[in-house]
Amino acid sequence: MDALVTDVTIWERLLLKAGYRRSVASFYTTKYSLLDAPIAFKDADVPRVRLVDRGVRQLRYVAELEEDKAMGADEWKTALAAFVNAG
């Protein structure tokens, strides 16, 4: 993966920020792979709780997202690039 990056300094900084340490890389043995392509939604398309009664300390909810509102591949790549470059 290192050979694919254009800026090694930024790459190393992101690895450290994520908690990755090359000195203990031999302990990272679990391999993962994507089963499905990632799907992302615009913030405005994600339902949210707007008002919570006084006294409520914790709140958990499950949102149903409409797949037809998912970002297209180009839009998703642009959003991801903006997120990564923000760090």
PDB file of N, CA and C in Angstrom:
ATOM      1  N   MET A   1       0.823  -1.189   0.000  1.00  0.00           N
ATOM      2  CA  MET A   1       0.000   0.000   0.000  1.00  0.00           C
ATOM      3  C   MET A   1       0.868   1.254   0.000  1.00  0.00           C
ATOM      4  N   ASP A   2       1.992   1.235   0.666  1.00  0.00           N
ATOM      5  CA  ASP A   2       2.867   2.402   0.730  1.00  0.00           C
ATOM      6  C   ASP A   2       3.278   2.881  -0.659  1.00  0.00           C
ATOM      7  N   ALA A   3       3.449   1.964  -1.593  1.00  0.00           N
ATOM      8  CA  ALA A   3       3.899   2.328  -2.939  1.00  0.00           C
ATOM      9  C   ALA A   3       2.815   3.077  -3.719  1.00  0.00           C
ATOM     10  N   LEU A   4       1.573   3.026  -3.265  1.00  0.00           N
ATOM     11  CA  LEU A   4       0.484   3.663  -3.987  1.00  0.00           C
ATOM     12  C   LEU A   4       0.256   5.120  -3.597  1.00  0.00           C
ATOM     13  N   VAL A   5       0.805   5.560  -2.480  1.00  0.00           N
ATOM     14  CA  VAL A   5       0.553   6.927  -2.012  1.00  0.00           C
ATOM     15  C   VAL A   5       1.483   7.921  -2.687  1.00  0.00           C
ATOM     16  N   THR A   6       0.997   9.147  -2.842  1.00  0.00           N
ATOM     17  CA  THR A   6       1.821  10.185  -3.478  1.00  0.00           C
ATOM     18  C   THR A   6       2.578  11.017  -2.458  1.00  0.00           C
ATOM     19  N   ASP A   7       2.070  11.107  -1.237  1.00  0.00           N
ATOM     20  CA  ASP A   7       2.741  11.877  -0.192  1.00  0.00           C
ATOM     21  C   ASP A   7       2.940  10.983   1.028  1.00  0.00           C
ATOM     22  N   VAL A   8       4.139  10.479   1.183  1.00  0.00           N
ATOM     23  CA  VAL A   8       4.432   9.525   2.262  1.00  0.00           C
ATOM     24  C   VAL A   8       4.267  10.161   3.635  1.00  0.00           C
ATOM     25  N   THR A   9       4.594  11.430   3.777  1.00  0.00           N
ATOM     26  CA  THR A   9       4.483  12.110   5.072  1.00  0.00           C
ATOM     27  C   THR A   9       3.032  12.150   5.539  1.00  0.00           C
ATOM     28  N   ILE A  10       2.139  12.536   4.646  1.00  0.00           N
ATOM     29  CA  ILE A  10       0.711  12.575   5.000  1.00  0.00           C
ATOM     30  C   ILE A  10       0.215  11.166   5.304  1.00  0.00           C
ATOM     31  N   TRP A  11       0.621  10.200   4.513  1.00  0.00           N
ATOM     32  CA  TRP A  11       0.230   8.803   4.726  1.00  0.00           C
ATOM     33  C   TRP A  11       0.646   8.327   6.119  1.00  0.00           C
ATOM     34  N   GLU A  12       1.887   8.583   6.478  1.00  0.00           N
ATOM     35  CA  GLU A  12       2.378   8.157   7.797  1.00  0.00           C
ATOM     36  C   GLU A  12       1.609   8.857   8.914  1.00  0.00           C
ATOM     37  N   ARG A  13       1.319  10.127   8.733  1.00  0.00           N
ATOM     38  CA  ARG A  13       0.563  10.880   9.737  1.00  0.00           C
ATOM     39  C   ARG A  13      -0.836  10.278   9.910  1.00  0.00           C
ATOM     40  N   LEU A  14      -1.477   9.922   8.803  1.00  0.00           N
ATOM     41  CA  LEU A  14      -2.811   9.316   8.880  1.00  0.00           C
ATOM     42  C   LEU A  14      -2.766   7.945   9.549  1.00  0.00           C
ATOM     43  N   LEU A  15      -1.729   7.172   9.263  1.00  0.00           N
ATOM     44  CA  LEU A  15      -1.576   5.872   9.920  1.00  0.00           C
ATOM     45  C   LEU A  15      -1.433   6.038  11.430  1.00  0.00           C
ATOM     46  N   LEU A  16      -0.597   6.990  11.838  1.00  0.00           N
ATOM     47  CA  LEU A  16      -0.406   7.236  13.270  1.00  0.00           C
ATOM     48  C   LEU A  16      -1.699   7.720  13.913  1.00  0.00           C
ATOM     49  N   LYS A  17      -2.414   8.589  13.223  1.00  0.00           N
ATOM     50  CA  LYS A  17      -3.679   9.118  13.744  1.00  0.00           C
ATOM     51  C   LYS A  17      -4.691   7.995  13.938  1.00  0.00           C
ATOM     52  N   ALA A  18      -4.650   6.990  13.068  1.00  0.00           N
ATOM     53  CA  ALA A  18      -5.555   5.845  13.165  1.00  0.00           C
ATOM     54  C   ALA A  18      -5.098   4.832  14.213  1.00  0.00           C
ATOM     55  N   GLY A  19      -3.914   5.026  14.775  1.00  0.00           N
ATOM     56  CA  GLY A  19      -3.428   4.121  15.802  1.00  0.00           C
ATOM     57  C   GLY A  19      -2.504   3.028  15.296  1.00  0.00           C
ATOM     58  N   TYR A  20      -2.160   3.063  14.015  1.00  0.00           N
ATOM     59  CA  TYR A  20      -1.281   2.044  13.436  1.00  0.00           C
ATOM     60  C   TYR A  20       0.164   2.336  13.816  1.00  0.00           C
ATOM     61  N   ARG A  21       0.871   1.323  14.263  1.00  0.00           N
ATOM     62  CA  ARG A  21       2.282   1.458  14.617  1.00  0.00           C
ATOM     63  C   ARG A  21       3.080   0.404  13.858  1.00  0.00           C
ATOM     64  N   ARG A  22       4.020   0.840  13.061  1.00  0.00           N
ATOM     65  CA  ARG A  22       4.830  -0.102  12.280  1.00  0.00           C
ATOM     66  C   ARG A  22       5.650  -1.023  13.188  1.00  0.00           C
ATOM     67  N   SER A  23       6.011  -0.544  14.362  1.00  0.00           N
ATOM     68  CA  SER A  23       6.835  -1.341  15.272  1.00  0.00           C
ATOM     69  C   SER A  23       6.120  -2.597  15.779  1.00  0.00           C
ATOM     70  N   VAL A  24       4.795  -2.607  15.714  1.00  0.00           N
ATOM     71  CA  VAL A  24       4.042  -3.777  16.162  1.00  0.00           C
ATOM     72  C   VAL A  24       3.206  -4.370  15.018  1.00  0.00           C
ATOM     73  N   ALA A  25       3.583  -4.075  13.802  1.00  0.00           N
ATOM     74  CA  ALA A  25       2.821  -4.524  12.629  1.00  0.00           C
ATOM     75  C   ALA A  25       2.685  -6.044  12.575  1.00  0.00           C
ATOM     76  N   SER A  26       3.644  -6.765  13.112  1.00  0.00           N
ATOM     77  CA  SER A  26       3.565  -8.226  13.070  1.00  0.00           C
ATOM     78  C   SER A  26       2.392  -8.760  13.901  1.00  0.00           C
ATOM     79  N   PHE A  27       1.868  -7.957  14.820  1.00  0.00           N
ATOM     80  CA  PHE A  27       0.728  -8.370  15.636  1.00  0.00           C
ATOM     81  C   PHE A  27      -0.604  -8.165  14.913  1.00  0.00           C
ATOM     82  N   TYR A  28      -0.588  -7.375  13.842  1.00  0.00           N
ATOM     83  CA  TYR A  28      -1.818  -7.115  13.077  1.00  0.00           C
ATOM     84  C   TYR A  28      -2.006  -8.262  12.097  1.00  0.00           C
ATOM     85  N   THR A  29      -2.699  -9.294  12.527  1.00  0.00           N
ATOM     86  CA  THR A  29      -2.815 -10.494  11.700  1.00  0.00           C
ATOM     87  C   THR A  29      -4.187 -10.679  11.057  1.00  0.00           C
ATOM     88  N   THR A  30      -5.203 -10.012  11.588  1.00  0.00           N
ATOM     89  CA  THR A  30      -6.546 -10.181  11.049  1.00  0.00           C
ATOM     90  C   THR A  30      -6.666  -9.435   9.728  1.00  0.00           C
ATOM     91  N   LYS A  31      -7.111 -10.140   8.710  1.00  0.00           N
ATOM     92  CA  LYS A  31      -7.294  -9.528   7.396  1.00  0.00           C
ATOM     93  C   LYS A  31      -8.791  -9.367   7.151  1.00  0.00           C
ATOM     94  N   TYR A  32      -9.155  -8.214   6.643  1.00  0.00           N
ATOM     95  CA  TYR A  32     -10.549  -7.925   6.337  1.00  0.00           C
ATOM     96  C   TYR A  32     -10.669  -7.606   4.857  1.00  0.00           C
ATOM     97  N   SER A  33     -11.835  -7.858   4.314  1.00  0.00           N
ATOM     98  CA  SER A  33     -12.107  -7.455   2.939  1.00  0.00           C
ATOM     99  C   SER A  33     -13.561  -7.020   2.854  1.00  0.00           C
ATOM    100  N   LEU A  34     -13.825  -6.099   1.948  1.00  0.00           N
ATOM    101  CA  LEU A  34     -15.183  -5.597   1.779  1.00  0.00           C
ATOM    102  C   LEU A  34     -16.055  -6.652   1.119  1.00  0.00           C
ATOM    103  N   LEU A  35     -17.228  -6.851   1.650  1.00  0.00           N
ATOM    104  CA  LEU A  35     -18.174  -7.774   1.047  1.00  0.00           C
ATOM    105  C   LEU A  35     -19.052  -7.055   0.028  1.00  0.00           C
ATOM    106  N   ASP A  36     -19.307  -5.784   0.284  1.00  0.00           N
ATOM    107  CA  ASP A  36     -20.108  -4.961  -0.611  1.00  0.00           C
ATOM    108  C   ASP A  36     -19.396  -3.634  -0.820  1.00  0.00           C
ATOM    109  N   ALA A  37     -19.717  -2.966  -1.891  1.00  0.00           N
ATOM    110  CA  ALA A  37     -19.158  -1.640  -2.139  1.00  0.00           C
ATOM    111  C   ALA A  37     -19.672  -0.684  -1.060  1.00  0.00           C
ATOM    112  N   PRO A  38     -18.846   0.271  -0.644  1.00  0.00           N
ATOM    113  CA  PRO A  38     -19.303   1.249   0.352  1.00  0.00           C
ATOM    114  C   PRO A  38     -20.486   2.055  -0.195  1.00  0.00           C
ATOM    115  N   ILE A  39     -21.354   2.459   0.696  1.00  0.00           N
ATOM    116  CA  ILE A  39     -22.487   3.295   0.316  1.00  0.00           C
ATOM    117  C   ILE A  39     -22.499   4.491   1.268  1.00  0.00           C
ATOM    118  N   ALA A  40     -22.647   5.677   0.727  1.00  0.00           N
ATOM    119  CA  ALA A  40     -22.596   6.890   1.538  1.00  0.00           C
ATOM    120  C   ALA A  40     -23.780   7.786   1.193  1.00  0.00           C
ATOM    121  N   PHE A  41     -24.177   8.590   2.169  1.00  0.00           N
ATOM    122  CA  PHE A  41     -25.316   9.481   2.012  1.00  0.00           C
ATOM    123  C   PHE A  41     -24.922  10.900   2.395  1.00  0.00           C
ATOM    124  N   LYS A  42     -25.561  11.862   1.776  1.00  0.00           N
ATOM    125  CA  LYS A  42     -25.367  13.259   2.161  1.00  0.00           C
ATOM    126  C   LYS A  42     -25.932  13.446   3.555  1.00  0.00           C
ATOM    127  N   ASP A  43     -25.326  14.339   4.301  1.00  0.00           N
ATOM    128  CA  ASP A  43     -25.752  14.605   5.669  1.00  0.00           C
ATOM    129  C   ASP A  43     -27.244  14.947   5.726  1.00  0.00           C
ATOM    130  N   ALA A  44     -27.716  15.721   4.766  1.00  0.00           N
ATOM    131  CA  ALA A  44     -29.120  16.144   4.767  1.00  0.00           C
ATOM    132  C   ALA A  44     -30.087  14.977   4.555  1.00  0.00           C
ATOM    133  N   ASP A  45     -29.612  13.878   3.999  1.00  0.00           N
ATOM    134  CA  ASP A  45     -30.473  12.723   3.739  1.00  0.00           C
ATOM    135  C   ASP A  45     -30.495  11.715   4.882  1.00  0.00           C
ATOM    136  N   VAL A  46     -29.754  11.984   5.948  1.00  0.00           N
ATOM    137  CA  VAL A  46     -29.716  11.083   7.103  1.00  0.00           C
ATOM    138  C   VAL A  46     -30.675  11.622   8.165  1.00  0.00           C
ATOM    139  N   PRO A  47     -31.734  10.856   8.499  1.00  0.00           N
ATOM    140  CA  PRO A  47     -32.682  11.324   9.517  1.00  0.00           C
ATOM    141  C   PRO A  47     -31.985  11.501  10.863  1.00  0.00           C
ATOM    142  N   ARG A  48     -32.469  12.449  11.628  1.00  0.00           N
ATOM    143  CA  ARG A  48     -31.870  12.691  12.943  1.00  0.00           C
ATOM    144  C   ARG A  48     -32.931  13.117  13.948  1.00  0.00           C
ATOM    145  N   VAL A  49     -32.616  12.994  15.191  1.00  0.00           N
ATOM    146  CA  VAL A  49     -33.490  13.437  16.262  1.00  0.00           C
ATOM    147  C   VAL A  49     -33.301  14.947  16.395  1.00  0.00           C
ATOM    148  N   ARG A  50     -34.368  15.690  16.360  1.00  0.00           N
ATOM    149  CA  ARG A  50     -34.284  17.159  16.399  1.00  0.00           C
ATOM    150  C   ARG A  50     -34.575  17.730  17.786  1.00  0.00           C
ATOM    151  N   LEU A  51     -35.340  17.012  18.579  1.00  0.00           N
ATOM    152  CA  LEU A  51     -35.716  17.519  19.891  1.00  0.00           C
ATOM    153  C   LEU A  51     -35.745  16.352  20.871  1.00  0.00           C
ATOM    154  N   VAL A  52     -35.159  16.561  22.027  1.00  0.00           N
ATOM    155  CA  VAL A  52     -35.126  15.525  23.056  1.00  0.00           C
ATOM    156  C   VAL A  52     -35.705  16.121  24.331  1.00  0.00           C
ATOM    157  N   ASP A  53     -36.562  15.369  24.987  1.00  0.00           N
ATOM    158  CA  ASP A  53     -37.168  15.840  26.231  1.00  0.00           C
ATOM    159  C   ASP A  53     -36.110  16.063  27.297  1.00  0.00           C
ATOM    160  N   ARG A  54     -36.369  17.016  28.155  1.00  0.00           N
ATOM    161  CA  ARG A  54     -35.477  17.319  29.277  1.00  0.00           C
ATOM    162  C   ARG A  54     -35.338  16.084  30.157  1.00  0.00           C
ATOM    163  N   GLY A  55     -34.141  15.812  30.597  1.00  0.00           N
ATOM    164  CA  GLY A  55     -33.898  14.668  31.463  1.00  0.00           C
ATOM    165  C   GLY A  55     -33.385  13.440  30.723  1.00  0.00           C
ATOM    166  N   VAL A  56     -33.501  13.441  29.415  1.00  0.00           N
ATOM    167  CA  VAL A  56     -32.989  12.312  28.642  1.00  0.00           C
ATOM    168  C   VAL A  56     -31.469  12.434  28.597  1.00  0.00           C
ATOM    169  N   ARG A  57     -30.776  11.402  29.013  1.00  0.00           N
ATOM    170  CA  ARG A  57     -29.312  11.432  29.083  1.00  0.00           C
ATOM    171  C   ARG A  57     -28.658  10.654  27.953  1.00  0.00           C
ATOM    172  N   GLN A  58     -29.307   9.629  27.467  1.00  0.00           N
ATOM    173  CA  GLN A  58     -28.766   8.835  26.371  1.00  0.00           C
ATOM    174  C   GLN A  58     -29.879   8.565  25.378  1.00  0.00           C
ATOM    175  N   LEU A  59     -29.491   8.549  24.118  1.00  0.00           N
ATOM    176  CA  LEU A  59     -30.476   8.318  23.079  1.00  0.00           C
ATOM    177  C   LEU A  59     -29.824   7.506  21.975  1.00  0.00           C
ATOM    178  N   ARG A  60     -30.491   6.474  21.545  1.00  0.00           N
ATOM    179  CA  ARG A  60     -30.008   5.652  20.445  1.00  0.00           C
ATOM    180  C   ARG A  60     -31.161   5.453  19.479  1.00  0.00           C
ATOM    181  N   TYR A  61     -30.855   5.548  18.193  1.00  0.00           N
ATOM    182  CA  TYR A  61     -31.904   5.321  17.216  1.00  0.00           C
ATOM    183  C   TYR A  61     -31.339   4.622  15.993  1.00  0.00           C
ATOM    184  N   VAL A  62     -32.213   3.997  15.242  1.00  0.00           N
ATOM    185  CA  VAL A  62     -31.845   3.334  13.998  1.00  0.00           C
ATOM    186  C   VAL A  62     -32.541   4.092  12.882  1.00  0.00           C
ATOM    187  N   ALA A  63     -31.779   4.489  11.880  1.00  0.00           N
ATOM    188  CA  ALA A  63     -32.335   5.252  10.763  1.00  0.00           C
ATOM    189  C   ALA A  63     -32.441   4.361   9.536  1.00  0.00           C
ATOM    190  N   GLU A  64     -33.549   4.465   8.841  1.00  0.00           N
ATOM    191  CA  GLU A  64     -33.705   3.768   7.576  1.00  0.00           C
ATOM    192  C   GLU A  64     -33.335   4.751   6.469  1.00  0.00           C
ATOM    193  N   LEU A  65     -32.357   4.387   5.668  1.00  0.00           N
ATOM    194  CA  LEU A  65     -31.889   5.248   4.593  1.00  0.00           C
ATOM    195  C   LEU A  65     -32.385   4.721   3.263  1.00  0.00           C
ATOM    196  N   GLU A  66     -32.806   5.633   2.415  1.00  0.00           N
ATOM    197  CA  GLU A  66     -33.320   5.254   1.110  1.00  0.00           C
ATOM    198  C   GLU A  66     -32.155   5.083   0.143  1.00  0.00           C
ATOM    199  N   GLU A  67     -31.981   3.883  -0.353  1.00  0.00           N
ATOM    200  CA  GLU A  67     -30.834   3.561  -1.196  1.00  0.00           C
ATOM    201  C   GLU A  67     -30.756   4.439  -2.444  1.00  0.00           C
ATOM    202  N   ASP A  68     -31.900   4.871  -2.955  1.00  0.00           N
ATOM    203  CA  ASP A  68     -31.875   5.712  -4.157  1.00  0.00           C
ATOM    204  C   ASP A  68     -31.321   7.111  -3.887  1.00  0.00           C
ATOM    205  N   LYS A  69     -31.162   7.476  -2.602  1.00  0.00           N
ATOM    206  CA  LYS A  69     -30.573   8.767  -2.251  1.00  0.00           C
ATOM    207  C   LYS A  69     -29.074   8.661  -1.973  1.00  0.00           C
ATOM    208  N   ALA A  70     -28.518   7.476  -2.140  1.00  0.00           N
ATOM    209  CA  ALA A  70     -27.078   7.286  -1.900  1.00  0.00           C
ATOM    210  C   ALA A  70     -26.269   8.093  -2.908  1.00  0.00           C
ATOM    211  N   MET A  71     -25.085   8.513  -2.490  1.00  0.00           N
ATOM    212  CA  MET A  71     -24.195   9.255  -3.378  1.00  0.00           C
ATOM    213  C   MET A  71     -23.711   8.356  -4.506  1.00  0.00           C
ATOM    214  N   GLY A  72     -23.520   8.945  -5.675  1.00  0.00           N
ATOM    215  CA  GLY A  72     -22.916   8.225  -6.785  1.00  0.00           C
ATOM    216  C   GLY A  72     -21.422   8.066  -6.542  1.00  0.00           C
ATOM    217  N   ALA A  73     -20.770   7.248  -7.327  1.00  0.00           N
ATOM    218  CA  ALA A  73     -19.349   6.954  -7.128  1.00  0.00           C
ATOM    219  C   ALA A  73     -18.496   8.212  -7.189  1.00  0.00           C
ATOM    220  N   ASP A  74     -18.711   9.082  -8.172  1.00  0.00           N
ATOM    221  CA  ASP A  74     -17.899  10.295  -8.294  1.00  0.00           C
ATOM    222  C   ASP A  74     -18.123  11.243  -7.119  1.00  0.00           C
ATOM    223  N   GLU A  75     -19.372  11.405  -6.731  1.00  0.00           N
ATOM    224  CA  GLU A  75     -19.702  12.282  -5.603  1.00  0.00           C
ATOM    225  C   GLU A  75     -19.104  11.737  -4.309  1.00  0.00           C
ATOM    226  N   TRP A  76     -19.146  10.418  -4.148  1.00  0.00           N
ATOM    227  CA  TRP A  76     -18.589   9.786  -2.954  1.00  0.00           C
ATOM    228  C   TRP A  76     -17.078   9.981  -2.894  1.00  0.00           C
ATOM    229  N   LYS A  77     -16.405   9.811  -4.040  1.00  0.00           N
ATOM    230  CA  LYS A  77     -14.950   9.990  -4.080  1.00  0.00           C
ATOM    231  C   LYS A  77     -14.564  11.422  -3.744  1.00  0.00           C
ATOM    232  N   THR A  78     -15.318  12.387  -4.242  1.00  0.00           N
ATOM    233  CA  THR A  78     -15.051  13.793  -3.936  1.00  0.00           C
ATOM    234  C   THR A  78     -15.226  14.069  -2.451  1.00  0.00           C
ATOM    235  N   ALA A  79     -16.301  13.551  -1.865  1.00  0.00           N
ATOM    236  CA  ALA A  79     -16.554  13.745  -0.435  1.00  0.00           C
ATOM    237  C   ALA A  79     -15.470  13.077   0.402  1.00  0.00           C
ATOM    238  N   LEU A  80     -15.056  11.888   0.017  1.00  0.00           N
ATOM    239  CA  LEU A  80     -14.004  11.177   0.745  1.00  0.00           C
ATOM    240  C   LEU A  80     -12.680  11.933   0.659  1.00  0.00           C
ATOM    241  N   ALA A  81     -12.346  12.431  -0.505  1.00  0.00           N
ATOM    242  CA  ALA A  81     -11.110  13.193  -0.670  1.00  0.00           C
ATOM    243  C   ALA A  81     -11.112  14.443   0.200  1.00  0.00           C
ATOM    244  N   ALA A  82     -12.253  15.137   0.284  1.00  0.00           N
ATOM    245  CA  ALA A  82     -12.353  16.321   1.129  1.00  0.00           C
ATOM    246  C   ALA A  82     -12.181  15.950   2.599  1.00  0.00           C
ATOM    247  N   PHE A  83     -12.742  14.817   3.009  1.00  0.00           N
ATOM    248  CA  PHE A  83     -12.630  14.357   4.401  1.00  0.00           C
ATOM    249  C   PHE A  83     -11.185  13.994   4.726  1.00  0.00           C
ATOM    250  N   VAL A  84     -10.530  13.265   3.848  1.00  0.00           N
ATOM    251  CA  VAL A  84      -9.150  12.827   4.089  1.00  0.00           C
ATOM    252  C   VAL A  84      -8.207  14.030   4.097  1.00  0.00           C
ATOM    253  N   ASN A  85      -8.403  14.957   3.179  1.00  0.00           N
ATOM    254  CA  ASN A  85      -7.527  16.127   3.096  1.00  0.00           C
ATOM    255  C   ASN A  85      -7.752  17.129   4.220  1.00  0.00           C
ATOM    256  N   ALA A  86      -8.864  16.989   4.951  1.00  0.00           N
ATOM    257  CA  ALA A  86      -9.143  17.879   6.057  1.00  0.00           C
ATOM    258  C   ALA A  86      -8.255  17.588   7.257  1.00  0.00           C
ATOM    259  N   GLY A  87      -7.687  16.377   7.319  1.00  0.00           N
ATOM    260  CA  GLY A  87      -6.874  15.958   8.463  1.00  0.00           C
ATOM    261  C   GLY A  87      -5.528  16.433   8.310  1.00  0.00           C
TER     262      GLY A  87
END
